[in-house]
Amino acid sequence: MRKGLAGQRLVAVFIAGVLLLNFPLLSLFDRPERPFGIPLLHIYLFAVWFGLVLVIAWIVERGAR
């Protein structure tokens, strides 16, 4: 039963990733502002990618127990 739950969570993370990295949200962060000299879009992309990796690692690690 736990394996199925982990699979469902991974599918949910995949769908969230597709939504977070799709056009409508990306256009919100495509602005000329540059916090710390880095384009806002690059910060958003890296933060979303890093967050997705952390969540996937947490799900896989928790499912391995």
N, C-alpha and C. Protein backbone atom coordinates (compact mmCIF):
# COMPACT_ATOMS: atom_id res chain seq x y z
N MET A 1 0.82 -1.20 0.00
CA MET A 1 0.00 0.00 0.00
C MET A 1 0.86 1.25 0.00
N ARG A 2 1.99 1.23 0.69
CA ARG A 2 2.86 2.40 0.74
C ARG A 2 3.48 2.71 -0.61
N LYS A 3 3.77 1.66 -1.38
CA LYS A 3 4.38 1.87 -2.69
C LYS A 3 3.41 2.61 -3.62
N GLY A 4 2.15 2.27 -3.53
CA GLY A 4 1.15 2.94 -4.34
C GLY A 4 0.99 4.39 -3.97
N LEU A 5 1.07 4.68 -2.67
CA LEU A 5 0.96 6.05 -2.19
C LEU A 5 2.15 6.89 -2.67
N ALA A 6 3.34 6.30 -2.62
CA ALA A 6 4.54 7.01 -3.10
C ALA A 6 4.41 7.29 -4.60
N GLY A 7 3.90 6.33 -5.34
CA GLY A 7 3.70 6.53 -6.77
C GLY A 7 2.72 7.65 -7.06
N GLN A 8 1.65 7.70 -6.29
CA GLN A 8 0.66 8.76 -6.46
C GLN A 8 1.26 10.12 -6.14
N ARG A 9 2.08 10.17 -5.10
CA ARG A 9 2.73 11.43 -4.74
C ARG A 9 3.70 11.87 -5.83
N LEU A 10 4.43 10.93 -6.41
CA LEU A 10 5.36 11.28 -7.49
C LEU A 10 4.61 11.81 -8.70
N VAL A 11 3.47 11.23 -9.01
CA VAL A 11 2.65 11.73 -10.13
C VAL A 11 2.17 13.14 -9.82
N ALA A 12 1.77 13.39 -8.58
CA ALA A 12 1.32 14.73 -8.18
C ALA A 12 2.45 15.74 -8.29
N VAL A 13 3.67 15.34 -7.91
CA VAL A 13 4.82 16.24 -8.03
C VAL A 13 5.12 16.52 -9.50
N PHE A 14 5.00 15.50 -10.35
CA PHE A 14 5.21 15.69 -11.78
C PHE A 14 4.21 16.71 -12.35
N ILE A 15 2.94 16.55 -11.98
CA ILE A 15 1.92 17.48 -12.47
C ILE A 15 2.18 18.89 -11.96
N ALA A 16 2.57 19.00 -10.68
CA ALA A 16 2.90 20.32 -10.13
C ALA A 16 4.08 20.93 -10.88
N GLY A 17 5.08 20.11 -11.20
CA GLY A 17 6.24 20.61 -11.95
C GLY A 17 5.86 21.10 -13.33
N VAL A 18 4.99 20.36 -14.00
CA VAL A 18 4.54 20.79 -15.33
C VAL A 18 3.81 22.12 -15.23
N LEU A 19 2.96 22.27 -14.22
CA LEU A 19 2.22 23.52 -14.07
C LEU A 19 3.14 24.69 -13.69
N LEU A 20 4.09 24.43 -12.79
CA LEU A 20 4.99 25.50 -12.34
C LEU A 20 5.98 25.93 -13.42
N LEU A 21 6.29 25.04 -14.34
CA LEU A 21 7.27 25.36 -15.38
C LEU A 21 6.62 25.59 -16.74
N ASN A 22 5.34 25.93 -16.74
CA ASN A 22 4.62 26.16 -17.97
C ASN A 22 4.47 27.67 -18.22
N PHE A 23 4.04 28.02 -19.41
CA PHE A 23 4.03 29.41 -19.87
C PHE A 23 3.35 30.42 -18.94
N PRO A 24 2.11 30.23 -18.51
CA PRO A 24 1.49 31.33 -17.77
C PRO A 24 2.27 31.76 -16.54
N LEU A 25 2.79 30.82 -15.77
CA LEU A 25 3.56 31.20 -14.59
C LEU A 25 4.93 31.75 -14.95
N LEU A 26 5.56 31.20 -15.96
CA LEU A 26 6.88 31.70 -16.35
C LEU A 26 6.80 33.15 -16.80
N SER A 27 5.71 33.51 -17.45
CA SER A 27 5.59 34.89 -17.93
C SER A 27 5.46 35.88 -16.76
N LEU A 28 4.97 35.43 -15.61
CA LEU A 28 4.88 36.31 -14.45
C LEU A 28 6.26 36.72 -13.94
N PHE A 29 7.25 35.87 -14.15
CA PHE A 29 8.59 36.12 -13.62
C PHE A 29 9.56 36.64 -14.68
N ASP A 30 9.08 36.83 -15.89
CA ASP A 30 9.93 37.36 -16.96
C ASP A 30 9.86 38.89 -16.92
N ARG A 31 10.56 39.47 -15.95
CA ARG A 31 10.56 40.91 -15.72
C ARG A 31 11.99 41.43 -15.71
N PRO A 32 12.15 42.70 -15.87
CA PRO A 32 13.51 43.25 -15.91
C PRO A 32 14.19 43.36 -14.54
N GLU A 33 13.47 43.07 -13.45
CA GLU A 33 14.10 43.16 -12.13
C GLU A 33 15.25 42.16 -12.01
N ARG A 34 16.30 42.57 -11.32
CA ARG A 34 17.47 41.71 -11.14
C ARG A 34 17.92 41.73 -9.68
N PRO A 35 17.27 40.91 -8.82
CA PRO A 35 17.77 40.84 -7.45
C PRO A 35 19.14 40.16 -7.42
N PHE A 36 20.08 40.77 -6.75
CA PHE A 36 21.46 40.28 -6.67
C PHE A 36 22.12 40.18 -8.05
N GLY A 37 21.61 40.92 -9.03
CA GLY A 37 22.19 40.91 -10.37
C GLY A 37 21.80 39.71 -11.22
N ILE A 38 20.87 38.89 -10.73
CA ILE A 38 20.44 37.69 -11.46
C ILE A 38 19.01 37.92 -11.94
N PRO A 39 18.70 37.59 -13.20
CA PRO A 39 17.33 37.78 -13.68
C PRO A 39 16.33 37.00 -12.82
N LEU A 40 15.19 37.61 -12.58
CA LEU A 40 14.15 37.02 -11.74
C LEU A 40 13.69 35.67 -12.27
N LEU A 41 13.60 35.53 -13.59
CA LEU A 41 13.17 34.27 -14.19
C LEU A 41 14.14 33.15 -13.86
N HIS A 42 15.42 33.43 -13.86
CA HIS A 42 16.41 32.39 -13.54
C HIS A 42 16.30 31.97 -12.08
N ILE A 43 16.06 32.92 -11.19
CA ILE A 43 15.89 32.59 -9.78
C ILE A 43 14.66 31.70 -9.59
N TYR A 44 13.57 32.06 -10.27
CA TYR A 44 12.34 31.26 -10.17
C TYR A 44 12.56 29.85 -10.69
N LEU A 45 13.18 29.72 -11.86
CA LEU A 45 13.41 28.39 -12.42
C LEU A 45 14.27 27.53 -11.52
N PHE A 46 15.35 28.11 -10.98
CA PHE A 46 16.23 27.34 -10.11
C PHE A 46 15.50 26.95 -8.82
N ALA A 47 14.73 27.87 -8.25
CA ALA A 47 14.02 27.59 -7.00
C ALA A 47 12.98 26.48 -7.19
N VAL A 48 12.24 26.53 -8.30
CA VAL A 48 11.25 25.49 -8.57
C VAL A 48 11.93 24.15 -8.80
N TRP A 49 12.97 24.14 -9.60
CA TRP A 49 13.72 22.90 -9.86
C TRP A 49 14.25 22.32 -8.55
N PHE A 50 14.88 23.15 -7.73
CA PHE A 50 15.45 22.69 -6.47
C PHE A 50 14.35 22.15 -5.54
N GLY A 51 13.23 22.86 -5.48
CA GLY A 51 12.12 22.40 -4.66
C GLY A 51 11.57 21.06 -5.12
N LEU A 52 11.43 20.89 -6.43
CA LEU A 52 10.94 19.62 -6.96
C LEU A 52 11.90 18.47 -6.64
N VAL A 53 13.19 18.73 -6.77
CA VAL A 53 14.19 17.70 -6.45
C VAL A 53 14.10 17.32 -4.98
N LEU A 54 13.97 18.30 -4.10
CA LEU A 54 13.86 18.02 -2.66
C LEU A 54 12.61 17.20 -2.34
N VAL A 55 11.50 17.56 -2.93
CA VAL A 55 10.25 16.85 -2.66
C VAL A 55 10.33 15.41 -3.19
N ILE A 56 10.89 15.23 -4.37
CA ILE A 56 11.04 13.88 -4.93
C ILE A 56 11.97 13.04 -4.07
N ALA A 57 13.07 13.63 -3.62
CA ALA A 57 14.00 12.90 -2.76
C ALA A 57 13.31 12.50 -1.45
N TRP A 58 12.51 13.40 -0.89
CA TRP A 58 11.79 13.10 0.35
C TRP A 58 10.81 11.95 0.15
N ILE A 59 10.07 11.98 -0.96
CA ILE A 59 9.09 10.92 -1.24
C ILE A 59 9.79 9.57 -1.43
N VAL A 60 10.86 9.56 -2.21
CA VAL A 60 11.56 8.31 -2.48
C VAL A 60 12.22 7.77 -1.21
N GLU A 61 12.82 8.65 -0.44
CA GLU A 61 13.47 8.21 0.80
C GLU A 61 12.45 7.69 1.81
N ARG A 62 11.34 8.34 1.89
CA ARG A 62 10.30 7.91 2.82
C ARG A 62 9.66 6.59 2.39
N GLY A 63 9.56 6.38 1.08
CA GLY A 63 9.00 5.14 0.57
C GLY A 63 9.96 3.96 0.69
N ALA A 64 11.24 4.22 0.85
CA ALA A 64 12.23 3.15 0.93
C ALA A 64 12.25 2.52 2.32
N ARG A 65 11.70 3.18 3.29
CA ARG A 65 11.71 2.62 4.67
C ARG A 65 10.75 1.50 4.83
